[in-house]
Protein backbone atom coordinates (compact mmCIF):
# COMPACT_ATOMS: atom_id res chain seq x y z
CA MET A 1 80.65 119.68 79.74
CA ALA A 2 81.42 120.22 83.82
CA GLY A 3 82.42 117.15 85.55
CA LEU A 4 79.84 116.81 87.73
CA GLU A 5 77.15 116.82 84.72
CA ARG A 6 79.34 114.21 82.84
CA LEU A 7 79.01 111.74 85.95
CA LEU A 8 75.36 112.23 86.94
CA GLY A 9 74.52 112.44 82.99
CA ALA A 10 76.64 109.22 82.11
CA ASP A 11 74.60 106.53 80.44
CA ALA A 12 76.55 103.66 82.94
CA PRO A 13 77.54 104.63 86.76
CA PHE A 14 81.29 105.39 87.38
CA LEU A 15 83.10 103.11 89.50
CA ALA A 16 84.77 104.34 92.98
CA ASP A 17 87.09 102.64 95.45
CA GLY A 18 85.29 100.82 98.06
CA GLY A 19 87.28 100.30 101.47
CA LYS A 20 90.62 101.30 100.12
CA GLU A 21 92.11 101.21 103.82
CA THR A 22 90.59 97.44 104.49
CA ASP A 23 92.14 96.48 101.30
CA LEU A 24 95.76 98.04 102.16
CA ILE A 25 95.51 96.54 105.47
CA PHE A 26 94.41 92.90 104.36
CA ASN A 27 95.29 92.48 101.03
CA ASP A 28 98.81 94.34 100.88
CA GLY A 29 99.94 94.13 104.51
CA CYS A 30 100.04 97.84 105.07
CA GLU A 31 100.25 99.35 108.76
CA LEU A 32 97.77 102.09 108.68
CA PRO A 33 97.51 103.75 112.16
CA LEU A 34 94.30 104.76 112.76
CA PHE A 35 92.89 103.12 109.73
CA SER A 36 94.84 106.33 107.82
CA SER A 37 95.63 105.94 104.08
CA PHE A 38 97.66 109.11 104.07
CA VAL A 39 100.82 107.91 106.12
CA LEU A 40 101.77 105.74 102.92
CA LEU A 41 102.14 109.19 101.26
CA ASP A 42 105.64 109.86 102.94
CA ASP A 43 107.98 107.08 101.21
CA GLU A 44 108.46 105.23 98.19
CA ARG A 45 107.09 102.07 99.25
CA GLY A 46 104.18 103.34 100.75
CA ARG A 47 103.35 105.10 97.17
CA SER A 48 104.18 102.14 95.70
CA LYS A 49 101.64 100.36 97.78
CA LEU A 50 98.88 103.24 97.19
CA ARG A 51 99.33 103.36 93.61
CA GLN A 52 98.82 99.79 93.15
CA CYS A 53 95.56 99.74 94.91
CA PHE A 54 94.37 102.62 92.98
CA ASP A 55 95.49 100.68 89.68
CA ARG A 56 93.33 97.12 90.68
CA TYR A 57 90.18 99.71 90.85
CA LEU A 58 91.47 101.72 87.67
CA ASP A 59 91.96 98.41 85.75
CA VAL A 60 88.13 97.42 86.53
CA ALA A 61 87.00 100.49 85.39
CA GLU A 62 88.99 100.25 82.42
CA ALA A 63 88.37 96.66 81.83
CA SER A 64 84.06 97.39 82.11
CA GLY A 65 84.62 100.86 80.02
CA ARG A 66 83.51 103.08 82.99
CA GLY A 67 84.70 105.91 84.30
CA PHE A 68 86.52 105.95 88.06
CA VAL A 69 86.07 108.76 90.47
CA LEU A 70 89.92 109.00 92.00
CA ASP A 71 89.80 110.36 95.23
CA THR A 72 92.47 111.07 97.65
CA ALA A 73 94.14 109.40 100.27
CA THR A 74 93.05 111.83 102.75
CA TRP A 75 89.91 110.46 104.86
CA ARG A 76 91.51 110.98 107.94
CA ALA A 77 93.93 114.11 107.01
CA ASN A 78 91.88 116.72 108.76
CA SER A 79 92.11 118.88 111.84
CA GLY A 80 89.53 116.51 113.85
CA TRP A 81 92.36 113.70 113.80
CA ALA A 82 95.61 115.88 113.30
CA VAL A 83 96.07 115.90 117.45
CA ARG A 84 95.67 111.78 117.22
CA HIS A 85 98.06 112.20 114.73
CA GLY A 86 100.63 114.11 116.42
CA LEU A 87 100.25 116.42 113.56
CA ASP A 88 99.42 120.14 113.36
CA PHE A 89 97.40 122.14 111.07
CA ALA A 90 100.61 123.06 108.91
CA ASP A 91 101.11 119.22 108.73
CA ILE A 92 97.55 118.45 107.30
CA SER A 93 97.65 121.05 104.81
CA ARG A 94 100.99 119.59 103.33
CA ILE A 95 99.79 116.05 103.41
CA ASN A 96 96.22 117.31 101.59
CA VAL A 97 98.50 119.11 98.83
CA GLU A 98 100.65 116.12 98.23
CA ALA A 99 97.70 113.64 98.48
CA VAL A 100 96.30 115.82 95.56
CA ARG A 101 99.16 115.58 93.80
CA PHE A 102 99.51 111.81 94.09
CA ALA A 103 96.20 111.94 92.97
CA ARG A 104 96.78 113.55 89.71
CA GLU A 105 100.00 111.53 88.88
CA VAL A 106 97.72 108.27 89.10
CA ARG A 107 95.34 109.83 86.59
CA SER A 108 98.09 111.08 84.21
CA SER A 109 99.93 107.79 84.26
CA ARG A 110 97.03 106.07 82.82
CA TYR A 111 95.44 106.11 79.09
CA TRP A 112 91.97 107.56 78.84
CA SER A 113 90.36 107.51 75.69
CA ASP A 114 87.51 109.95 75.03
CA ASP A 115 84.59 107.89 76.15
CA PHE A 116 86.38 106.97 79.55
CA GLY A 117 87.93 110.96 79.72
CA ARG A 118 88.54 112.48 82.39
CA LEU A 119 86.33 114.84 84.46
């Protein structure tokens, strides 16, 4: 079954993060210029904070037996915000590639049963 069909046909709703940037700022003390979590991908300390944030959401999904829609930390990593961050197209492309790589690392670091499985 295709990922979208599985998501829409699930008996119970899948969970997703909610307010990741707000969580990182107010609960983890992260500095996110222009409310942009992608800056955390630049070093190991930031990646650790981002991983902890995703892990909290994944823990809830796992404990409730639900799937989770894992996204990337790229909300502001686009051409519309690049200039405000002092970035160019190559920077934005690199950030998006790294964000997907990071999300895949997070996904592969968790146990996924057939019921909870990957899309």
